Amino acid sequence: MTTTPLTLGTTQARARLAELTVIDVRTPGEYASGHLPGALNIPLDQVRRALPEIRHAAGRGDVLVVCASGARSQTASRLLAEEGIPTATLTGGTSAWAGEGHDLHRPAVRDTRARWSMERQVRFAAGTVVLLGLLLGLLVHPAFQILSAGIAGGLVFSALTDTCGMAALLGRLPHNRPRPADLAATLAALRRG
């Protein structure tokens, strides 16, 4: 059984925030940089692991899935719909939420590392590899320029398919991974309701 994911605008979501279970599917670093009040962090690649808890939460009320722009939350909502779990996504994600002047919750910082959004991490990594390929192509061998061409091709593919392989790879880095205790606490909160 599948259901069609719904979308909520920021005004609708804000009006219903107290009655929604909000799941933020961004990386822990992005989540820590600011999230909707009351949102629980389950990174996109951990959603399948959390299916029983999300199903339990959906049985108690509506579930809103959010990310930075709405792309990852739509992916998560489609995955949940395939499992028969009805959800809604926030149109424009936390960017739209903050853009309309709504507050983002920022937890007390546990460490001093700066938190970069996934988009910023991808831009930094792509730019670094492009520059490295060009520099090595000039100084070592022209074949290194293939690195730059590969990144350019990846960016075009990413835009055409609305996916990002580099973001998937970066999401696996330690600073983008939830600590086991954090994910366990989130899953327990979903079970408790």
N, C-alpha and C. Protein backbone atom coordinates (compact mmCIF):
# COMPACT_ATOMS: atom_id res chain seq x y z
N MET A 1 0.85 -1.18 0.00
CA MET A 1 0.00 0.00 0.00
C MET A 1 0.89 1.23 0.00
N THR A 2 0.61 2.19 -0.87
CA THR A 2 1.35 3.45 -0.87
C THR A 2 0.38 4.60 -0.69
N THR A 3 0.90 5.66 -0.15
CA THR A 3 0.11 6.88 -0.02
C THR A 3 0.88 8.00 -0.69
N THR A 4 0.19 9.03 -1.10
CA THR A 4 0.83 10.16 -1.76
C THR A 4 1.23 11.19 -0.73
N PRO A 5 2.53 11.56 -0.69
CA PRO A 5 2.95 12.57 0.28
C PRO A 5 2.30 13.92 0.00
N LEU A 6 1.90 14.59 1.05
CA LEU A 6 1.31 15.92 0.94
C LEU A 6 2.39 16.96 1.19
N THR A 7 2.10 18.20 0.85
CA THR A 7 3.02 19.29 1.18
C THR A 7 2.28 20.31 2.03
N LEU A 8 3.02 20.91 2.95
CA LEU A 8 2.49 21.98 3.77
C LEU A 8 3.37 23.20 3.57
N GLY A 9 2.75 24.34 3.43
CA GLY A 9 3.49 25.59 3.39
C GLY A 9 3.94 25.95 4.79
N THR A 10 4.82 26.93 4.89
CA THR A 10 5.35 27.29 6.20
C THR A 10 4.26 27.81 7.13
N THR A 11 3.30 28.56 6.60
CA THR A 11 2.23 29.10 7.44
C THR A 11 1.36 27.96 7.98
N GLN A 12 1.01 27.00 7.10
CA GLN A 12 0.22 25.85 7.54
C GLN A 12 0.97 25.03 8.58
N ALA A 13 2.24 24.79 8.32
CA ALA A 13 3.04 23.98 9.24
C ALA A 13 3.19 24.67 10.59
N ARG A 14 3.39 25.97 10.57
CA ARG A 14 3.56 26.72 11.83
C ARG A 14 2.27 26.66 12.66
N ALA A 15 1.13 26.76 11.99
CA ALA A 15 -0.15 26.72 12.70
C ALA A 15 -0.41 25.35 13.32
N ARG A 16 0.15 24.30 12.72
CA ARG A 16 -0.10 22.94 13.20
C ARG A 16 1.09 22.32 13.93
N LEU A 17 2.13 23.09 14.17
CA LEU A 17 3.39 22.57 14.70
C LEU A 17 3.20 21.75 15.98
N ALA A 18 2.34 22.19 16.86
CA ALA A 18 2.14 21.49 18.14
C ALA A 18 1.54 20.10 17.97
N GLU A 19 0.79 19.88 16.89
CA GLU A 19 0.14 18.59 16.69
C GLU A 19 0.91 17.67 15.75
N LEU A 20 2.00 18.14 15.17
CA LEU A 20 2.77 17.36 14.21
C LEU A 20 3.97 16.70 14.87
N THR A 21 4.33 15.52 14.39
CA THR A 21 5.63 14.94 14.70
C THR A 21 6.54 15.37 13.56
N VAL A 22 7.55 16.17 13.86
CA VAL A 22 8.43 16.72 12.83
C VAL A 22 9.73 15.92 12.80
N ILE A 23 10.06 15.39 11.63
CA ILE A 23 11.29 14.62 11.46
C ILE A 23 12.17 15.36 10.46
N ASP A 24 13.35 15.74 10.89
CA ASP A 24 14.33 16.45 10.07
C ASP A 24 15.31 15.42 9.52
N VAL A 25 15.36 15.27 8.19
CA VAL A 25 16.17 14.22 7.57
C VAL A 25 17.54 14.72 7.12
N ARG A 26 17.94 15.90 7.58
CA ARG A 26 19.28 16.40 7.24
C ARG A 26 20.33 15.72 8.10
N THR A 27 21.59 15.99 7.80
CA THR A 27 22.67 15.44 8.61
C THR A 27 22.65 16.07 9.99
N PRO A 28 23.24 15.41 10.98
CA PRO A 28 23.29 15.99 12.32
C PRO A 28 23.93 17.38 12.36
N GLY A 29 24.95 17.60 11.53
CA GLY A 29 25.58 18.91 11.49
C GLY A 29 24.63 19.98 11.00
N GLU A 30 23.87 19.67 9.95
CA GLU A 30 22.88 20.62 9.44
C GLU A 30 21.78 20.85 10.46
N TYR A 31 21.32 19.78 11.07
CA TYR A 31 20.27 19.85 12.10
C TYR A 31 20.72 20.77 13.23
N ALA A 32 21.96 20.63 13.66
CA ALA A 32 22.48 21.44 14.77
C ALA A 32 22.59 22.91 14.39
N SER A 33 22.69 23.20 13.10
CA SER A 33 22.81 24.60 12.67
C SER A 33 21.47 25.34 12.75
N GLY A 34 20.38 24.62 12.96
CA GLY A 34 19.06 25.23 13.12
C GLY A 34 17.98 24.36 12.52
N HIS A 35 16.95 24.07 13.33
CA HIS A 35 15.85 23.21 12.88
C HIS A 35 14.53 23.72 13.44
N LEU A 36 13.44 23.22 12.89
CA LEU A 36 12.12 23.59 13.38
C LEU A 36 12.01 23.20 14.86
N PRO A 37 11.33 24.02 15.65
CA PRO A 37 11.16 23.68 17.07
C PRO A 37 10.48 22.32 17.22
N GLY A 38 11.07 21.48 18.06
CA GLY A 38 10.51 20.16 18.32
C GLY A 38 10.88 19.10 17.31
N ALA A 39 11.62 19.44 16.27
CA ALA A 39 11.99 18.47 15.24
C ALA A 39 12.94 17.43 15.81
N LEU A 40 12.76 16.20 15.35
CA LEU A 40 13.65 15.09 15.70
C LEU A 40 14.53 14.79 14.50
N ASN A 41 15.80 14.51 14.73
CA ASN A 41 16.74 14.30 13.64
C ASN A 41 16.91 12.81 13.33
N ILE A 42 16.48 12.44 12.12
CA ILE A 42 16.73 11.10 11.58
C ILE A 42 17.28 11.33 10.17
N PRO A 43 18.60 11.26 10.00
CA PRO A 43 19.18 11.51 8.67
C PRO A 43 18.55 10.59 7.62
N LEU A 44 18.49 11.09 6.41
CA LEU A 44 17.82 10.38 5.31
C LEU A 44 18.29 8.93 5.21
N ASP A 45 19.59 8.69 5.35
CA ASP A 45 20.08 7.32 5.20
C ASP A 45 19.75 6.43 6.40
N GLN A 46 19.13 6.98 7.43
CA GLN A 46 18.72 6.20 8.60
C GLN A 46 17.20 6.00 8.67
N VAL A 47 16.47 6.54 7.69
CA VAL A 47 15.01 6.47 7.73
C VAL A 47 14.51 5.03 7.71
N ARG A 48 15.10 4.19 6.87
CA ARG A 48 14.65 2.77 6.83
C ARG A 48 14.82 2.10 8.20
N ARG A 49 15.91 2.41 8.86
CA ARG A 49 16.17 1.84 10.19
C ARG A 49 15.09 2.28 11.19
N ALA A 50 14.56 3.46 10.99
CA ALA A 50 13.59 4.04 11.93
C ALA A 50 12.14 3.76 11.54
N LEU A 51 11.90 2.93 10.54
CA LEU A 51 10.52 2.70 10.06
C LEU A 51 9.54 2.31 11.18
N PRO A 52 9.88 1.38 12.06
CA PRO A 52 8.89 1.02 13.10
C PRO A 52 8.51 2.22 13.98
N GLU A 53 9.49 3.02 14.35
CA GLU A 53 9.23 4.17 15.21
C GLU A 53 8.44 5.25 14.47
N ILE A 54 8.75 5.46 13.20
CA ILE A 54 8.02 6.46 12.41
C ILE A 54 6.58 5.99 12.19
N ARG A 55 6.41 4.70 11.93
CA ARG A 55 5.06 4.14 11.78
C ARG A 55 4.26 4.34 13.07
N HIS A 56 4.91 4.11 14.21
CA HIS A 56 4.26 4.31 15.51
C HIS A 56 3.83 5.77 15.68
N ALA A 57 4.73 6.70 15.33
CA ALA A 57 4.41 8.14 15.44
C ALA A 57 3.26 8.50 14.51
N ALA A 58 3.26 7.95 13.29
CA ALA A 58 2.20 8.25 12.32
C ALA A 58 0.85 7.71 12.79
N GLY A 59 0.89 6.66 13.60
CA GLY A 59 -0.35 6.12 14.15
C GLY A 59 -0.99 7.04 15.19
N ARG A 60 -0.19 7.91 15.78
CA ARG A 60 -0.69 8.86 16.78
C ARG A 60 -1.12 10.18 16.17
N GLY A 61 -0.60 10.52 14.98
CA GLY A 61 -0.93 11.80 14.37
C GLY A 61 -0.09 12.03 13.13
N ASP A 62 -0.21 13.22 12.57
CA ASP A 62 0.46 13.54 11.31
C ASP A 62 1.96 13.72 11.50
N VAL A 63 2.70 13.29 10.48
CA VAL A 63 4.16 13.39 10.47
C VAL A 63 4.56 14.37 9.37
N LEU A 64 5.41 15.34 9.74
CA LEU A 64 5.96 16.31 8.79
C LEU A 64 7.44 16.02 8.64
N VAL A 65 7.89 15.82 7.41
CA VAL A 65 9.29 15.53 7.12
C VAL A 65 9.90 16.79 6.52
N VAL A 66 11.05 17.21 7.06
CA VAL A 66 11.69 18.44 6.60
C VAL A 66 13.16 18.21 6.30
N CYS A 67 13.71 19.08 5.46
CA CYS A 67 15.14 19.14 5.18
C CYS A 67 15.46 20.60 4.87
N ALA A 68 16.56 20.85 4.21
CA ALA A 68 16.96 22.23 3.94
C ALA A 68 16.07 22.90 2.89
N SER A 69 15.80 22.18 1.79
CA SER A 69 15.06 22.80 0.69
C SER A 69 13.78 22.07 0.30
N GLY A 70 13.64 20.85 0.74
CA GLY A 70 12.47 20.05 0.40
C GLY A 70 12.78 18.83 -0.44
N ALA A 71 13.99 18.77 -1.04
CA ALA A 71 14.33 17.65 -1.92
C ALA A 71 14.52 16.35 -1.13
N ARG A 72 15.32 16.38 -0.09
CA ARG A 72 15.54 15.15 0.70
C ARG A 72 14.28 14.74 1.44
N SER A 73 13.49 15.71 1.90
CA SER A 73 12.26 15.34 2.60
C SER A 73 11.27 14.69 1.65
N GLN A 74 11.25 15.11 0.39
CA GLN A 74 10.38 14.45 -0.59
C GLN A 74 10.83 13.02 -0.83
N THR A 75 12.16 12.81 -0.89
CA THR A 75 12.69 11.45 -1.05
C THR A 75 12.28 10.60 0.14
N ALA A 76 12.44 11.13 1.34
CA ALA A 76 12.05 10.39 2.54
C ALA A 76 10.55 10.11 2.56
N SER A 77 9.75 11.08 2.17
CA SER A 77 8.30 10.88 2.15
C SER A 77 7.88 9.82 1.15
N ARG A 78 8.55 9.80 0.00
CA ARG A 78 8.25 8.74 -0.99
C ARG A 78 8.60 7.37 -0.41
N LEU A 79 9.75 7.27 0.25
CA LEU A 79 10.16 6.01 0.86
C LEU A 79 9.14 5.59 1.91
N LEU A 80 8.72 6.52 2.74
CA LEU A 80 7.73 6.21 3.78
C LEU A 80 6.38 5.85 3.16
N ALA A 81 6.00 6.52 2.08
CA ALA A 81 4.74 6.21 1.40
C ALA A 81 4.76 4.79 0.86
N GLU A 82 5.92 4.35 0.34
CA GLU A 82 6.05 2.97 -0.15
C GLU A 82 5.82 1.96 0.98
N GLU A 83 6.08 2.39 2.20
CA GLU A 83 5.86 1.52 3.37
C GLU A 83 4.49 1.73 3.99
N GLY A 84 3.65 2.55 3.34
CA GLY A 84 2.30 2.79 3.82
C GLY A 84 2.21 3.80 4.96
N ILE A 85 3.25 4.60 5.13
CA ILE A 85 3.26 5.59 6.20
C ILE A 85 2.98 6.96 5.60
N PRO A 86 1.83 7.55 5.93
CA PRO A 86 1.49 8.86 5.37
C PRO A 86 2.32 9.98 6.03
N THR A 87 2.82 10.87 5.20
CA THR A 87 3.60 12.02 5.70
C THR A 87 3.28 13.25 4.86
N ALA A 88 3.77 14.37 5.33
CA ALA A 88 3.74 15.62 4.56
C ALA A 88 5.15 16.17 4.57
N THR A 89 5.47 16.98 3.57
CA THR A 89 6.77 17.64 3.53
C THR A 89 6.55 19.15 3.64
N LEU A 90 7.57 19.84 4.12
CA LEU A 90 7.52 21.28 4.25
C LEU A 90 8.01 21.91 2.95
N THR A 91 7.16 22.63 2.27
CA THR A 91 7.53 23.27 1.02
C THR A 91 8.67 24.26 1.26
N GLY A 92 9.79 24.04 0.56
CA GLY A 92 10.94 24.92 0.69
C GLY A 92 11.83 24.62 1.87
N GLY A 93 11.45 23.68 2.71
CA GLY A 93 12.27 23.24 3.83
C GLY A 93 12.57 24.32 4.86
N THR A 94 13.62 24.07 5.63
CA THR A 94 13.99 25.02 6.69
C THR A 94 14.44 26.35 6.11
N SER A 95 14.91 26.36 4.87
CA SER A 95 15.28 27.63 4.23
C SER A 95 14.06 28.53 4.09
N ALA A 96 12.95 27.96 3.63
CA ALA A 96 11.72 28.74 3.49
C ALA A 96 11.19 29.14 4.86
N TRP A 97 11.28 28.24 5.83
CA TRP A 97 10.83 28.51 7.19
C TRP A 97 11.56 29.73 7.75
N ALA A 98 12.89 29.71 7.66
CA ALA A 98 13.69 30.83 8.17
C ALA A 98 13.48 32.08 7.32
N GLY A 99 13.32 31.89 6.01
CA GLY A 99 13.11 33.02 5.10
C GLY A 99 11.84 33.79 5.39
N GLU A 100 10.86 33.13 5.97
CA GLU A 100 9.61 33.80 6.33
C GLU A 100 9.64 34.34 7.76
N GLY A 101 10.82 34.29 8.37
CA GLY A 101 10.99 34.90 9.69
C GLY A 101 10.63 34.01 10.87
N HIS A 102 10.38 32.72 10.63
CA HIS A 102 10.07 31.81 11.73
C HIS A 102 11.37 31.38 12.40
N ASP A 103 11.30 31.19 13.70
CA ASP A 103 12.49 30.83 14.46
C ASP A 103 12.95 29.41 14.17
N LEU A 104 14.26 29.24 14.15
CA LEU A 104 14.88 27.92 14.10
C LEU A 104 15.48 27.66 15.47
N HIS A 105 15.30 26.45 15.95
CA HIS A 105 15.88 26.07 17.24
C HIS A 105 17.33 25.65 17.01
N ARG A 106 18.22 26.17 17.82
CA ARG A 106 19.63 25.80 17.77
C ARG A 106 20.02 25.26 19.14
N PRO A 107 20.31 23.96 19.20
CA PRO A 107 20.64 23.39 20.50
C PRO A 107 21.94 23.97 21.05
N ALA A 108 22.13 23.83 22.35
CA ALA A 108 23.38 24.28 22.96
C ALA A 108 24.53 23.55 22.28
N VAL A 109 25.55 24.29 21.93
CA VAL A 109 26.68 23.71 21.20
C VAL A 109 27.47 22.81 22.13
N ARG A 110 27.70 21.58 21.68
CA ARG A 110 28.47 20.63 22.48
C ARG A 110 29.95 20.68 22.12
N ASP A 111 30.26 21.20 20.97
CA ASP A 111 31.65 21.37 20.60
C ASP A 111 31.78 22.66 19.81
N THR A 112 33.00 23.02 19.48
CA THR A 112 33.23 24.33 18.87
C THR A 112 33.32 24.26 17.35
N ARG A 113 33.11 23.09 16.76
CA ARG A 113 33.19 22.98 15.31
C ARG A 113 32.04 23.74 14.66
N ALA A 114 32.36 24.45 13.60
CA ALA A 114 31.32 25.13 12.84
C ALA A 114 30.50 24.08 12.09
N ARG A 115 29.22 24.33 11.95
CA ARG A 115 28.34 23.40 11.22
C ARG A 115 28.01 24.01 9.87
N TRP A 116 28.34 23.29 8.84
CA TRP A 116 28.05 23.74 7.48
C TRP A 116 26.88 22.95 6.94
N SER A 117 26.03 23.63 6.16
CA SER A 117 24.95 22.93 5.49
C SER A 117 25.55 21.97 4.47
N MET A 118 24.77 20.96 4.08
CA MET A 118 25.25 20.00 3.09
C MET A 118 25.54 20.71 1.78
N GLU A 119 24.70 21.67 1.41
CA GLU A 119 24.93 22.41 0.16
C GLU A 119 26.29 23.11 0.20
N ARG A 120 26.62 23.71 1.32
CA ARG A 120 27.91 24.40 1.45
C ARG A 120 29.06 23.41 1.40
N GLN A 121 28.89 22.25 2.05
CA GLN A 121 29.93 21.22 2.00
C GLN A 121 30.17 20.74 0.57
N VAL A 122 29.08 20.54 -0.18
CA VAL A 122 29.20 20.09 -1.57
C VAL A 122 29.91 21.15 -2.41
N ARG A 123 29.53 22.42 -2.25
CA ARG A 123 30.19 23.49 -3.02
C ARG A 123 31.67 23.54 -2.71
N PHE A 124 32.01 23.42 -1.42
CA PHE A 124 33.42 23.46 -1.02
C PHE A 124 34.19 22.28 -1.62
N ALA A 125 33.64 21.08 -1.48
CA ALA A 125 34.33 19.88 -1.99
C ALA A 125 34.46 19.94 -3.51
N ALA A 126 33.39 20.31 -4.20
CA ALA A 126 33.44 20.37 -5.67
C ALA A 126 34.45 21.42 -6.13
N GLY A 127 34.42 22.58 -5.52
CA GLY A 127 35.37 23.64 -5.88
C GLY A 127 36.79 23.23 -5.62
N THR A 128 37.04 22.56 -4.50
CA THR A 128 38.38 22.12 -4.16
C THR A 128 38.90 21.11 -5.18
N VAL A 129 38.08 20.14 -5.56
CA VAL A 129 38.51 19.12 -6.53
C VAL A 129 38.73 19.75 -7.90
N VAL A 130 37.87 20.69 -8.30
CA VAL A 130 38.05 21.36 -9.59
C VAL A 130 39.38 22.12 -9.61
N LEU A 131 39.63 22.91 -8.55
CA LEU A 131 40.88 23.65 -8.49
C LEU A 131 42.09 22.72 -8.44
N LEU A 132 41.99 21.64 -7.68
CA LEU A 132 43.08 20.68 -7.60
C LEU A 132 43.35 20.05 -8.96
N GLY A 133 42.29 19.68 -9.68
CA GLY A 133 42.47 19.10 -11.01
C GLY A 133 43.12 20.07 -11.98
N LEU A 134 42.70 21.33 -11.93
CA LEU A 134 43.30 22.34 -12.81
C LEU A 134 44.76 22.59 -12.45
N LEU A 135 45.05 22.70 -11.15
CA LEU A 135 46.41 22.95 -10.70
C LEU A 135 47.34 21.79 -11.05
N LEU A 136 46.90 20.57 -10.75
CA LEU A 136 47.72 19.41 -11.10
C LEU A 136 47.86 19.27 -12.61
N GLY A 137 46.83 19.66 -13.35
CA GLY A 137 46.91 19.62 -14.81
C GLY A 137 47.96 20.57 -15.36
N LEU A 138 48.13 21.70 -14.70
CA LEU A 138 49.15 22.68 -15.12
C LEU A 138 50.55 22.29 -14.66
N LEU A 139 50.65 21.79 -13.43
CA LEU A 139 51.96 21.55 -12.84
C LEU A 139 52.50 20.13 -13.05
N VAL A 140 51.62 19.14 -13.15
CA VAL A 140 52.08 17.76 -13.21
C VAL A 140 51.84 17.14 -14.58
N HIS A 141 50.58 17.03 -14.95
CA HIS A 141 50.23 16.40 -16.23
C HIS A 141 48.82 16.83 -16.62
N PRO A 142 48.61 17.15 -17.89
CA PRO A 142 47.28 17.61 -18.32
C PRO A 142 46.15 16.61 -18.05
N ALA A 143 46.46 15.35 -17.89
CA ALA A 143 45.42 14.34 -17.65
C ALA A 143 44.67 14.60 -16.33
N PHE A 144 45.31 15.30 -15.39
CA PHE A 144 44.64 15.60 -14.11
C PHE A 144 43.42 16.51 -14.30
N GLN A 145 43.31 17.16 -15.43
CA GLN A 145 42.15 18.02 -15.70
C GLN A 145 40.87 17.19 -15.83
N ILE A 146 41.04 15.88 -15.98
CA ILE A 146 39.88 14.99 -16.02
C ILE A 146 39.11 15.06 -14.70
N LEU A 147 39.83 15.30 -13.59
CA LEU A 147 39.15 15.48 -12.30
C LEU A 147 38.13 16.62 -12.38
N SER A 148 38.58 17.73 -12.93
CA SER A 148 37.70 18.90 -13.05
C SER A 148 36.52 18.59 -13.96
N ALA A 149 36.78 17.91 -15.07
CA ALA A 149 35.71 17.55 -16.00
C ALA A 149 34.72 16.59 -15.34
N GLY A 150 35.24 15.66 -14.53
CA GLY A 150 34.36 14.72 -13.84
C GLY A 150 33.43 15.42 -12.86
N ILE A 151 33.96 16.39 -12.13
CA ILE A 151 33.11 17.14 -11.19
C ILE A 151 32.07 17.95 -11.95
N ALA A 152 32.48 18.58 -13.04
CA ALA A 152 31.53 19.35 -13.86
C ALA A 152 30.40 18.45 -14.36
N GLY A 153 30.75 17.27 -14.84
CA GLY A 153 29.74 16.32 -15.30
C GLY A 153 28.83 15.88 -14.18
N GLY A 154 29.41 15.66 -13.00
CA GLY A 154 28.61 15.28 -11.84
C GLY A 154 27.63 16.36 -11.43
N LEU A 155 28.06 17.62 -11.52
CA LEU A 155 27.17 18.73 -11.17
C LEU A 155 26.01 18.83 -12.16
N VAL A 156 26.29 18.63 -13.43
CA VAL A 156 25.22 18.65 -14.44
C VAL A 156 24.24 17.50 -14.18
N PHE A 157 24.78 16.31 -13.95
CA PHE A 157 23.93 15.15 -13.66
C PHE A 157 23.09 15.40 -12.42
N SER A 158 23.70 15.98 -11.39
CA SER A 158 23.00 16.29 -10.15
C SER A 158 21.83 17.23 -10.40
N ALA A 159 22.05 18.25 -11.22
CA ALA A 159 20.99 19.20 -11.51
C ALA A 159 19.86 18.55 -12.31
N LEU A 160 20.21 17.71 -13.26
CA LEU A 160 19.20 17.07 -14.10
C LEU A 160 18.35 16.05 -13.35
N THR A 161 18.96 15.35 -12.41
CA THR A 161 18.25 14.29 -11.70
C THR A 161 17.77 14.70 -10.31
N ASP A 162 18.14 15.88 -9.86
CA ASP A 162 17.81 16.37 -8.52
C ASP A 162 18.29 15.39 -7.44
N THR A 163 19.47 14.82 -7.69
CA THR A 163 20.14 13.97 -6.72
C THR A 163 21.56 14.50 -6.55
N CYS A 164 22.26 14.03 -5.56
CA CYS A 164 23.63 14.50 -5.39
C CYS A 164 24.47 13.39 -4.77
N GLY A 165 25.26 12.74 -5.61
CA GLY A 165 26.15 11.69 -5.16
C GLY A 165 27.19 12.20 -4.19
N MET A 166 27.69 13.42 -4.43
CA MET A 166 28.70 13.98 -3.53
C MET A 166 28.10 14.22 -2.14
N ALA A 167 26.86 14.67 -2.08
CA ALA A 167 26.21 14.87 -0.78
C ALA A 167 26.05 13.54 -0.07
N ALA A 168 25.73 12.48 -0.82
CA ALA A 168 25.61 11.16 -0.21
C ALA A 168 26.94 10.72 0.38
N LEU A 169 28.04 10.97 -0.34
CA LEU A 169 29.36 10.62 0.18
C LEU A 169 29.74 11.47 1.38
N LEU A 170 29.52 12.77 1.29
CA LEU A 170 29.84 13.66 2.40
C LEU A 170 29.00 13.36 3.63
N GLY A 171 27.78 12.90 3.42
CA GLY A 171 26.91 12.56 4.53
C GLY A 171 27.44 11.40 5.36
N ARG A 172 28.37 10.64 4.81
CA ARG A 172 28.95 9.51 5.53
C ARG A 172 30.17 9.90 6.38
N LEU A 173 30.62 11.15 6.25
CA LEU A 173 31.76 11.59 7.05
C LEU A 173 31.37 11.67 8.53
N PRO A 174 32.32 11.49 9.42
CA PRO A 174 32.00 11.44 10.86
C PRO A 174 31.24 12.65 11.38
N HIS A 175 31.57 13.85 10.92
CA HIS A 175 30.88 15.03 11.45
C HIS A 175 29.44 15.15 10.94
N ASN A 176 29.09 14.36 9.95
CA ASN A 176 27.72 14.36 9.43
C ASN A 176 26.91 13.16 9.90
N ARG A 177 27.49 12.32 10.71
CA ARG A 177 26.82 11.11 11.18
C ARG A 177 26.25 11.34 12.58
N PRO A 178 25.09 10.78 12.84
CA PRO A 178 24.57 10.90 14.21
C PRO A 178 25.38 10.00 15.14
N ARG A 179 25.59 10.46 16.34
CA ARG A 179 26.20 9.59 17.33
C ARG A 179 25.16 8.53 17.68
N PRO A 180 25.57 7.31 17.92
CA PRO A 180 24.59 6.26 18.22
C PRO A 180 23.63 6.64 19.34
N ALA A 181 24.13 7.33 20.35
CA ALA A 181 23.26 7.73 21.46
C ALA A 181 22.20 8.73 21.00
N ASP A 182 22.55 9.63 20.09
CA ASP A 182 21.59 10.62 19.58
C ASP A 182 20.47 9.94 18.80
N LEU A 183 20.82 9.02 17.90
CA LEU A 183 19.80 8.33 17.12
C LEU A 183 18.93 7.46 18.02
N ALA A 184 19.54 6.78 18.99
CA ALA A 184 18.77 5.94 19.91
C ALA A 184 17.78 6.79 20.70
N ALA A 185 18.21 7.97 21.14
CA ALA A 185 17.33 8.89 21.89
C ALA A 185 16.18 9.38 21.01
N THR A 186 16.47 9.66 19.76
CA THR A 186 15.43 10.11 18.83
C THR A 186 14.40 9.00 18.61
N LEU A 187 14.88 7.77 18.38
CA LEU A 187 13.96 6.66 18.17
C LEU A 187 13.12 6.39 19.41
N ALA A 188 13.72 6.51 20.58
CA ALA A 188 12.97 6.34 21.83
C ALA A 188 11.90 7.42 21.98
N ALA A 189 12.23 8.66 21.59
CA ALA A 189 11.26 9.75 21.66
C ALA A 189 10.08 9.49 20.73
N LEU A 190 10.34 8.92 19.57
CA LEU A 190 9.25 8.59 18.64
C LEU A 190 8.36 7.49 19.22
N ARG A 191 8.95 6.53 19.89
CA ARG A 191 8.16 5.44 20.48
C ARG A 191 7.29 5.94 21.63
N ARG A 192 7.85 6.87 22.43
CA ARG A 192 7.11 7.40 23.58
C ARG A 192 5.95 8.28 23.13
N GLY A 193 6.24 9.08 22.12
CA GLY A 193 5.22 10.00 21.62
C GLY A 193 5.11 11.18 22.48
